[in-house]
Amino acid sequence: MLLKKINRILGILSGFLVLITAFIMLYDVISRYFLGAPTVWAQNICQYTILTAAFLGTSYALESGGHVNVEIVVERVGPLAAKILLTIGNIFALVFVGGLVKSCFSYTVIAYQMSWDASGNLPIPACLLYSIMVFGSSILFLTLIASIIDIWKKRKDKEVT
């Protein structure tokens, strides 16, 4: 239940960041084409907000079924085989996301030790961006585990009824 609340909060935050990005880009377009004075910061801020929105919102998208999902095979097999196939898919995702967490964490540590700044016009510490990636990927990892548990828990609930 706590993970679902966290995912919901992160999903709302992610949507808010996309909205902020849209307003910043609108401002940049108006500034560039109507006022003749383009911003030097808008593109970088939008890149950072979209990156943050993607990493924070992915676990909510997975949990709520908002991700792309092709179920042509799963729909044509029995319930047990469907649960096995869904579990295998989630395990593949776990392996990928686990590697992503590990890589992002390594880059976070290196970026902190080397005092890297993100590329662009704004000197944002790169370790901050990598930390967001570590956090979002870690929440996605936990959500994938919860998804596997839910797959098999639902199976048991159906057997009882």
N, C-alpha and C. Protein backbone atom coordinates (compact mmCIF):
# COMPACT_ATOMS: atom_id res chain seq x y z
N MET A 1 0.81 -1.20 0.00
CA MET A 1 0.00 0.00 0.00
C MET A 1 0.85 1.27 0.00
N LEU A 2 1.95 1.25 0.75
CA LEU A 2 2.84 2.41 0.78
C LEU A 2 3.43 2.66 -0.61
N LEU A 3 3.82 1.59 -1.30
CA LEU A 3 4.39 1.72 -2.64
C LEU A 3 3.37 2.32 -3.60
N LYS A 4 2.11 1.93 -3.47
CA LYS A 4 1.06 2.50 -4.33
C LYS A 4 0.88 3.99 -4.07
N LYS A 5 0.95 4.40 -2.81
CA LYS A 5 0.84 5.82 -2.48
C LYS A 5 2.04 6.60 -3.03
N ILE A 6 3.22 6.02 -2.89
CA ILE A 6 4.42 6.67 -3.42
C ILE A 6 4.31 6.81 -4.93
N ASN A 7 3.89 5.72 -5.59
CA ASN A 7 3.75 5.77 -7.05
C ASN A 7 2.72 6.80 -7.49
N ARG A 8 1.64 6.91 -6.75
CA ARG A 8 0.60 7.90 -7.10
C ARG A 8 1.16 9.32 -6.96
N ILE A 9 1.86 9.58 -5.87
CA ILE A 9 2.47 10.90 -5.67
C ILE A 9 3.48 11.18 -6.78
N LEU A 10 4.31 10.19 -7.12
CA LEU A 10 5.30 10.38 -8.18
C LEU A 10 4.62 10.57 -9.54
N GLY A 11 3.50 9.88 -9.76
CA GLY A 11 2.76 10.06 -11.01
C GLY A 11 2.20 11.47 -11.14
N ILE A 12 1.66 11.99 -10.05
CA ILE A 12 1.14 13.36 -10.05
C ILE A 12 2.28 14.36 -10.26
N LEU A 13 3.38 14.14 -9.56
CA LEU A 13 4.56 15.01 -9.72
C LEU A 13 5.07 14.96 -11.15
N SER A 14 5.10 13.78 -11.73
CA SER A 14 5.55 13.62 -13.11
C SER A 14 4.65 14.39 -14.07
N GLY A 15 3.35 14.28 -13.89
CA GLY A 15 2.42 15.03 -14.73
C GLY A 15 2.60 16.53 -14.58
N PHE A 16 2.83 16.97 -13.35
CA PHE A 16 3.06 18.38 -13.08
C PHE A 16 4.33 18.86 -13.78
N LEU A 17 5.38 18.04 -13.77
CA LEU A 17 6.62 18.41 -14.44
C LEU A 17 6.44 18.51 -15.95
N VAL A 18 5.62 17.64 -16.52
CA VAL A 18 5.33 17.73 -17.95
C VAL A 18 4.58 19.02 -18.25
N LEU A 19 3.65 19.39 -17.37
CA LEU A 19 2.91 20.64 -17.54
C LEU A 19 3.85 21.85 -17.46
N ILE A 20 4.74 21.84 -16.50
CA ILE A 20 5.73 22.92 -16.38
C ILE A 20 6.57 23.00 -17.65
N THR A 21 6.98 21.83 -18.17
CA THR A 21 7.77 21.79 -19.40
C THR A 21 7.00 22.43 -20.56
N ALA A 22 5.72 22.12 -20.65
CA ALA A 22 4.90 22.70 -21.72
C ALA A 22 4.84 24.22 -21.60
N PHE A 23 4.67 24.74 -20.40
CA PHE A 23 4.62 26.19 -20.21
C PHE A 23 5.96 26.85 -20.52
N ILE A 24 7.05 26.20 -20.12
CA ILE A 24 8.37 26.76 -20.41
C ILE A 24 8.61 26.79 -21.92
N MET A 25 8.24 25.72 -22.60
CA MET A 25 8.43 25.70 -24.05
C MET A 25 7.54 26.73 -24.75
N LEU A 26 6.32 26.90 -24.25
CA LEU A 26 5.44 27.93 -24.80
C LEU A 26 6.06 29.31 -24.61
N TYR A 27 6.58 29.57 -23.44
CA TYR A 27 7.26 30.84 -23.17
C TYR A 27 8.44 31.03 -24.12
N ASP A 28 9.21 29.96 -24.32
CA ASP A 28 10.38 30.05 -25.19
C ASP A 28 9.97 30.35 -26.64
N VAL A 29 8.91 29.71 -27.11
CA VAL A 29 8.43 29.96 -28.47
C VAL A 29 7.95 31.40 -28.61
N ILE A 30 7.17 31.87 -27.66
CA ILE A 30 6.70 33.26 -27.71
C ILE A 30 7.87 34.22 -27.65
N SER A 31 8.81 33.95 -26.76
CA SER A 31 9.98 34.82 -26.62
C SER A 31 10.81 34.83 -27.89
N ARG A 32 10.98 33.68 -28.49
CA ARG A 32 11.83 33.57 -29.68
C ARG A 32 11.20 34.19 -30.91
N TYR A 33 9.94 33.85 -31.18
CA TYR A 33 9.34 34.26 -32.45
C TYR A 33 8.60 35.60 -32.41
N PHE A 34 8.07 35.95 -31.27
CA PHE A 34 7.31 37.20 -31.20
C PHE A 34 8.11 38.36 -30.61
N LEU A 35 9.01 38.03 -29.70
CA LEU A 35 9.80 39.08 -29.07
C LEU A 35 11.22 39.16 -29.62
N GLY A 36 11.61 38.14 -30.38
CA GLY A 36 12.95 38.13 -30.96
C GLY A 36 14.07 37.94 -29.95
N ALA A 37 13.74 37.40 -28.79
CA ALA A 37 14.74 37.21 -27.74
C ALA A 37 14.65 35.78 -27.19
N PRO A 38 15.35 34.84 -27.80
CA PRO A 38 15.28 33.46 -27.31
C PRO A 38 15.93 33.32 -25.93
N THR A 39 15.43 32.38 -25.17
CA THR A 39 16.01 32.12 -23.85
C THR A 39 17.23 31.23 -24.02
N VAL A 40 18.13 31.31 -23.08
CA VAL A 40 19.31 30.43 -23.10
C VAL A 40 19.14 29.27 -22.12
N TRP A 41 18.08 29.31 -21.34
CA TRP A 41 17.91 28.33 -20.28
C TRP A 41 16.75 27.37 -20.52
N ALA A 42 15.81 27.69 -21.36
CA ALA A 42 14.58 26.91 -21.48
C ALA A 42 14.83 25.47 -21.93
N GLN A 43 15.66 25.30 -22.94
CA GLN A 43 15.90 23.96 -23.44
C GLN A 43 16.51 23.05 -22.37
N ASN A 44 17.48 23.56 -21.63
CA ASN A 44 18.10 22.75 -20.59
C ASN A 44 17.13 22.42 -19.47
N ILE A 45 16.36 23.39 -19.03
CA ILE A 45 15.38 23.13 -17.98
C ILE A 45 14.38 22.08 -18.44
N CYS A 46 13.93 22.18 -19.68
CA CYS A 46 12.96 21.22 -20.21
C CYS A 46 13.56 19.82 -20.30
N GLN A 47 14.81 19.73 -20.69
CA GLN A 47 15.47 18.42 -20.71
C GLN A 47 15.50 17.80 -19.32
N TYR A 48 15.83 18.60 -18.33
CA TYR A 48 15.92 18.09 -16.96
C TYR A 48 14.55 17.72 -16.41
N THR A 49 13.54 18.53 -16.71
CA THR A 49 12.19 18.22 -16.18
C THR A 49 11.61 16.99 -16.86
N ILE A 50 11.85 16.82 -18.16
CA ILE A 50 11.34 15.63 -18.85
C ILE A 50 12.06 14.38 -18.36
N LEU A 51 13.37 14.48 -18.16
CA LEU A 51 14.12 13.35 -17.62
C LEU A 51 13.56 12.97 -16.25
N THR A 52 13.34 13.96 -15.41
CA THR A 52 12.80 13.71 -14.07
C THR A 52 11.40 13.12 -14.16
N ALA A 53 10.56 13.69 -15.01
CA ALA A 53 9.19 13.18 -15.17
C ALA A 53 9.19 11.73 -15.64
N ALA A 54 10.07 11.41 -16.57
CA ALA A 54 10.12 10.04 -17.08
C ALA A 54 10.54 9.05 -16.01
N PHE A 55 11.57 9.38 -15.27
CA PHE A 55 12.06 8.44 -14.27
C PHE A 55 11.13 8.35 -13.05
N LEU A 56 10.47 9.44 -12.71
CA LEU A 56 9.56 9.38 -11.56
C LEU A 56 8.20 8.81 -11.93
N GLY A 57 7.80 8.94 -13.19
CA GLY A 57 6.47 8.51 -13.59
C GLY A 57 6.37 7.09 -14.12
N THR A 58 7.49 6.47 -14.41
CA THR A 58 7.46 5.14 -15.02
C THR A 58 6.84 4.09 -14.10
N SER A 59 7.14 4.13 -12.83
CA SER A 59 6.58 3.13 -11.91
C SER A 59 5.06 3.30 -11.79
N TYR A 60 4.59 4.54 -11.80
CA TYR A 60 3.15 4.77 -11.76
C TYR A 60 2.49 4.26 -13.04
N ALA A 61 3.14 4.48 -14.19
CA ALA A 61 2.60 3.99 -15.46
C ALA A 61 2.52 2.47 -15.46
N LEU A 62 3.53 1.81 -14.92
CA LEU A 62 3.52 0.35 -14.85
C LEU A 62 2.39 -0.13 -13.94
N GLU A 63 2.30 0.47 -12.78
CA GLU A 63 1.29 0.04 -11.81
C GLU A 63 -0.13 0.26 -12.30
N SER A 64 -0.36 1.37 -13.01
CA SER A 64 -1.71 1.70 -13.44
C SER A 64 -2.05 1.11 -14.81
N GLY A 65 -1.11 0.39 -15.43
CA GLY A 65 -1.37 -0.21 -16.74
C GLY A 65 -1.25 0.78 -17.87
N GLY A 66 -0.59 1.89 -17.67
CA GLY A 66 -0.46 2.92 -18.68
C GLY A 66 0.71 2.70 -19.63
N HIS A 67 1.43 1.62 -19.50
CA HIS A 67 2.56 1.35 -20.38
C HIS A 67 2.10 0.53 -21.59
N VAL A 68 2.92 0.51 -22.61
CA VAL A 68 2.60 -0.27 -23.80
C VAL A 68 2.72 -1.74 -23.44
N ASN A 69 1.69 -2.50 -23.80
CA ASN A 69 1.66 -3.90 -23.43
C ASN A 69 0.99 -4.69 -24.54
N VAL A 70 1.71 -5.64 -25.13
CA VAL A 70 1.16 -6.49 -26.17
C VAL A 70 0.83 -7.83 -25.53
N GLU A 71 -0.44 -8.14 -25.48
CA GLU A 71 -0.87 -9.35 -24.78
C GLU A 71 -1.47 -10.40 -25.71
N ILE A 72 -1.08 -10.41 -26.98
CA ILE A 72 -1.68 -11.32 -27.94
C ILE A 72 -1.44 -12.78 -27.55
N VAL A 73 -0.27 -13.09 -27.04
CA VAL A 73 0.04 -14.46 -26.63
C VAL A 73 -0.62 -14.77 -25.28
N VAL A 74 -0.52 -13.82 -24.36
CA VAL A 74 -1.05 -14.02 -23.01
C VAL A 74 -2.56 -14.27 -23.04
N GLU A 75 -3.26 -13.60 -23.96
CA GLU A 75 -4.72 -13.77 -24.05
C GLU A 75 -5.13 -15.12 -24.64
N ARG A 76 -4.22 -15.80 -25.34
CA ARG A 76 -4.56 -17.04 -26.02
C ARG A 76 -4.16 -18.30 -25.25
N VAL A 77 -3.55 -18.14 -24.10
CA VAL A 77 -3.15 -19.30 -23.30
C VAL A 77 -4.00 -19.35 -22.03
N GLY A 78 -3.88 -20.44 -21.31
CA GLY A 78 -4.63 -20.60 -20.07
C GLY A 78 -4.13 -19.66 -18.98
N PRO A 79 -4.88 -19.61 -17.88
CA PRO A 79 -4.52 -18.68 -16.79
C PRO A 79 -3.13 -18.93 -16.19
N LEU A 80 -2.78 -20.20 -15.98
CA LEU A 80 -1.48 -20.49 -15.38
C LEU A 80 -0.35 -20.11 -16.35
N ALA A 81 -0.49 -20.47 -17.61
CA ALA A 81 0.53 -20.13 -18.60
C ALA A 81 0.64 -18.60 -18.74
N ALA A 82 -0.49 -17.90 -18.67
CA ALA A 82 -0.47 -16.43 -18.76
C ALA A 82 0.31 -15.84 -17.60
N LYS A 83 0.09 -16.37 -16.42
CA LYS A 83 0.80 -15.87 -15.24
C LYS A 83 2.30 -16.15 -15.34
N ILE A 84 2.65 -17.30 -15.88
CA ILE A 84 4.06 -17.64 -16.07
C ILE A 84 4.70 -16.69 -17.08
N LEU A 85 4.01 -16.45 -18.20
CA LEU A 85 4.53 -15.54 -19.22
C LEU A 85 4.68 -14.12 -18.68
N LEU A 86 3.68 -13.65 -17.94
CA LEU A 86 3.77 -12.31 -17.35
C LEU A 86 4.91 -12.22 -16.35
N THR A 87 5.10 -13.27 -15.59
CA THR A 87 6.20 -13.31 -14.62
C THR A 87 7.55 -13.28 -15.32
N ILE A 88 7.68 -14.06 -16.39
CA ILE A 88 8.94 -14.06 -17.16
C ILE A 88 9.23 -12.67 -17.71
N GLY A 89 8.21 -12.02 -18.26
CA GLY A 89 8.37 -10.66 -18.77
C GLY A 89 8.81 -9.70 -17.69
N ASN A 90 8.20 -9.81 -16.51
CA ASN A 90 8.58 -8.95 -15.39
C ASN A 90 9.99 -9.25 -14.89
N ILE A 91 10.39 -10.51 -14.96
CA ILE A 91 11.75 -10.86 -14.53
C ILE A 91 12.77 -10.26 -15.50
N PHE A 92 12.49 -10.32 -16.80
CA PHE A 92 13.38 -9.65 -17.77
C PHE A 92 13.47 -8.16 -17.46
N ALA A 93 12.33 -7.55 -17.18
CA ALA A 93 12.31 -6.12 -16.84
C ALA A 93 13.11 -5.86 -15.56
N LEU A 94 12.98 -6.76 -14.57
CA LEU A 94 13.74 -6.62 -13.32
C LEU A 94 15.24 -6.64 -13.58
N VAL A 95 15.68 -7.54 -14.44
CA VAL A 95 17.11 -7.63 -14.75
C VAL A 95 17.58 -6.33 -15.40
N PHE A 96 16.80 -5.83 -16.37
CA PHE A 96 17.16 -4.59 -17.03
C PHE A 96 17.18 -3.42 -16.05
N VAL A 97 16.13 -3.29 -15.25
CA VAL A 97 16.03 -2.16 -14.32
C VAL A 97 17.09 -2.28 -13.22
N GLY A 98 17.38 -3.50 -12.80
CA GLY A 98 18.46 -3.70 -11.83
C GLY A 98 19.79 -3.20 -12.37
N GLY A 99 20.09 -3.53 -13.63
CA GLY A 99 21.31 -3.02 -14.27
C GLY A 99 21.28 -1.50 -14.40
N LEU A 100 20.10 -0.95 -14.67
CA LEU A 100 19.96 0.50 -14.77
C LEU A 100 20.24 1.17 -13.43
N VAL A 101 19.70 0.61 -12.36
CA VAL A 101 19.94 1.15 -11.02
C VAL A 101 21.43 1.12 -10.71
N LYS A 102 22.06 -0.02 -10.99
CA LYS A 102 23.50 -0.17 -10.71
C LYS A 102 24.32 0.85 -11.50
N SER A 103 24.03 0.98 -12.79
CA SER A 103 24.78 1.92 -13.64
C SER A 103 24.56 3.37 -13.21
N CYS A 104 23.30 3.71 -12.95
CA CYS A 104 23.01 5.08 -12.53
C CYS A 104 23.67 5.39 -11.19
N PHE A 105 23.67 4.42 -10.29
CA PHE A 105 24.32 4.63 -9.00
C PHE A 105 25.82 4.85 -9.18
N SER A 106 26.44 4.04 -10.05
CA SER A 106 27.88 4.20 -10.31
C SER A 106 28.18 5.59 -10.87
N TYR A 107 27.35 6.03 -11.82
CA TYR A 107 27.56 7.36 -12.38
C TYR A 107 27.30 8.46 -11.35
N THR A 108 26.36 8.23 -10.45
CA THR A 108 26.10 9.21 -9.40
C THR A 108 27.33 9.40 -8.53
N VAL A 109 27.93 8.29 -8.14
CA VAL A 109 29.12 8.34 -7.28
C VAL A 109 30.28 9.02 -8.02
N ILE A 110 30.49 8.63 -9.27
CA ILE A 110 31.59 9.23 -10.05
C ILE A 110 31.34 10.73 -10.26
N ALA A 111 30.10 11.08 -10.59
CA ALA A 111 29.76 12.49 -10.82
C ALA A 111 29.98 13.31 -9.56
N TYR A 112 29.65 12.73 -8.42
CA TYR A 112 29.87 13.43 -7.15
C TYR A 112 31.36 13.60 -6.86
N GLN A 113 32.11 12.50 -7.02
CA GLN A 113 33.55 12.53 -6.74
C GLN A 113 34.29 13.49 -7.67
N MET A 114 33.87 13.54 -8.93
CA MET A 114 34.56 14.35 -9.93
C MET A 114 33.94 15.75 -10.07
N SER A 115 32.89 16.02 -9.29
CA SER A 115 32.20 17.32 -9.34
C SER A 115 31.74 17.68 -10.76
N TRP A 116 31.14 16.70 -11.43
CA TRP A 116 30.64 16.95 -12.78
C TRP A 116 29.43 17.85 -12.75
N ASP A 117 29.32 18.70 -13.75
CA ASP A 117 28.11 19.47 -13.98
C ASP A 117 27.44 18.91 -15.23
N ALA A 118 26.13 19.01 -15.28
CA ALA A 118 25.40 18.58 -16.46
C ALA A 118 25.77 19.47 -17.63
N SER A 119 25.75 18.91 -18.83
CA SER A 119 26.11 19.72 -19.99
C SER A 119 24.99 20.73 -20.28
N GLY A 120 25.36 21.83 -20.85
CA GLY A 120 24.39 22.86 -21.18
C GLY A 120 24.75 24.18 -20.53
N ASN A 121 23.80 25.10 -20.59
CA ASN A 121 24.04 26.46 -20.08
C ASN A 121 23.84 26.59 -18.58
N LEU A 122 23.22 25.60 -17.96
CA LEU A 122 22.97 25.68 -16.52
C LEU A 122 23.87 24.71 -15.78
N PRO A 123 24.67 25.19 -14.87
CA PRO A 123 25.61 24.32 -14.15
C PRO A 123 24.95 23.53 -13.02
N ILE A 124 24.04 22.63 -13.38
CA ILE A 124 23.39 21.77 -12.39
C ILE A 124 24.32 20.59 -12.13
N PRO A 125 24.55 20.24 -10.87
CA PRO A 125 25.41 19.08 -10.59
C PRO A 125 24.84 17.81 -11.22
N ALA A 126 25.66 17.10 -11.96
CA ALA A 126 25.22 15.88 -12.63
C ALA A 126 24.79 14.82 -11.62
N CYS A 127 25.39 14.83 -10.44
CA CYS A 127 25.01 13.82 -9.45
C CYS A 127 23.54 13.98 -9.02
N LEU A 128 23.01 15.18 -9.09
CA LEU A 128 21.60 15.40 -8.79
C LEU A 128 20.71 14.70 -9.82
N LEU A 129 21.04 14.85 -11.09
CA LEU A 129 20.27 14.19 -12.14
C LEU A 129 20.39 12.67 -12.05
N TYR A 130 21.60 12.19 -11.82
CA TYR A 130 21.79 10.74 -11.68
C TYR A 130 21.06 10.21 -10.45
N SER A 131 21.01 10.99 -9.38
CA SER A 131 20.29 10.56 -8.18
C SER A 131 18.80 10.40 -8.46
N ILE A 132 18.25 11.30 -9.26
CA ILE A 132 16.84 11.16 -9.65
C ILE A 132 16.64 9.87 -10.44
N MET A 133 17.59 9.56 -11.31
CA MET A 133 17.51 8.33 -12.08
C MET A 133 17.60 7.10 -11.18
N VAL A 134 18.47 7.14 -10.19
CA VAL A 134 18.60 6.02 -9.24
C VAL A 134 17.30 5.86 -8.47
N PHE A 135 16.76 6.95 -7.96
CA PHE A 135 15.52 6.88 -7.18
C PHE A 135 14.37 6.33 -8.02
N GLY A 136 14.16 6.91 -9.19
CA GLY A 136 13.07 6.46 -10.04
C GLY A 136 13.21 5.02 -10.47
N SER A 137 14.41 4.61 -10.82
CA SER A 137 14.65 3.22 -11.22
C SER A 137 14.47 2.26 -10.04
N SER A 138 14.86 2.68 -8.85
CA SER A 138 14.68 1.84 -7.67
C SER A 138 13.20 1.63 -7.35
N ILE A 139 12.42 2.69 -7.48
CA ILE A 139 10.98 2.57 -7.26
C ILE A 139 10.37 1.66 -8.32
N LEU A 140 10.83 1.78 -9.57
CA LEU A 140 10.35 0.90 -10.63
C LEU A 140 10.71 -0.54 -10.33
N PHE A 141 11.90 -0.79 -9.82
CA PHE A 141 12.33 -2.14 -9.45
C PHE A 141 11.38 -2.73 -8.39
N LEU A 142 11.08 -1.94 -7.37
CA LEU A 142 10.16 -2.40 -6.33
C LEU A 142 8.76 -2.63 -6.89
N THR A 143 8.34 -1.78 -7.81
CA THR A 143 7.02 -1.93 -8.42
C THR A 143 6.95 -3.20 -9.26
N LEU A 144 8.03 -3.54 -9.94
CA LEU A 144 8.06 -4.79 -10.70
C LEU A 144 7.96 -6.00 -9.78
N ILE A 145 8.64 -5.95 -8.65
CA ILE A 145 8.53 -7.05 -7.68
C ILE A 145 7.09 -7.16 -7.18
N ALA A 146 6.49 -6.00 -6.85
CA ALA A 146 5.09 -6.00 -6.40
C ALA A 146 4.16 -6.52 -7.49
N SER A 147 4.48 -6.23 -8.74
CA SER A 147 3.67 -6.71 -9.85
C SER A 147 3.72 -8.23 -9.95
N ILE A 148 4.90 -8.79 -9.78
CA ILE A 148 5.04 -10.25 -9.80
C ILE A 148 4.24 -10.87 -8.65
N ILE A 149 4.33 -10.27 -7.49
CA ILE A 149 3.58 -10.78 -6.33
C ILE A 149 2.08 -10.70 -6.60
N ASP A 150 1.64 -9.58 -7.19
CA ASP A 150 0.21 -9.43 -7.51
C ASP A 150 -0.26 -10.46 -8.53
N ILE A 151 0.58 -10.78 -9.50
CA ILE A 151 0.20 -11.79 -10.50
C ILE A 151 -0.13 -13.10 -9.82
N TRP A 152 0.70 -13.53 -8.91
CA TRP A 152 0.50 -14.82 -8.25
C TRP A 152 -0.51 -14.74 -7.12
N LYS A 153 -0.65 -13.59 -6.50
CA LYS A 153 -1.66 -13.40 -5.46
C LYS A 153 -3.05 -13.46 -6.07
N LYS A 154 -3.24 -12.85 -7.23
CA LYS A 154 -4.53 -12.89 -7.91
C LYS A 154 -4.89 -14.31 -8.29
N ARG A 155 -3.91 -15.09 -8.65
CA ARG A 155 -4.15 -16.50 -8.98
C ARG A 155 -4.72 -17.24 -7.78
N LYS A 156 -4.12 -17.01 -6.61
CA LYS A 156 -4.60 -17.67 -5.40
C LYS A 156 -6.00 -17.18 -5.04
N ASP A 157 -6.27 -15.87 -5.21
CA ASP A 157 -7.60 -15.35 -4.91
C ASP A 157 -8.66 -15.99 -5.80
N LYS A 158 -8.33 -16.24 -7.06
CA LYS A 158 -9.30 -16.85 -7.97
C LYS A 158 -9.55 -18.31 -7.60
N GLU A 159 -8.52 -18.98 -7.10
CA GLU A 159 -8.69 -20.38 -6.71
C GLU A 159 -9.62 -20.49 -5.49
N VAL A 160 -9.56 -19.51 -4.59
CA VAL A 160 -10.37 -19.54 -3.38
C VAL A 160 -11.85 -19.32 -3.71
N THR A 161 -12.14 -18.43 -4.67
CA THR A 161 -13.53 -18.11 -5.00
C THR A 161 -14.16 -19.06 -5.93
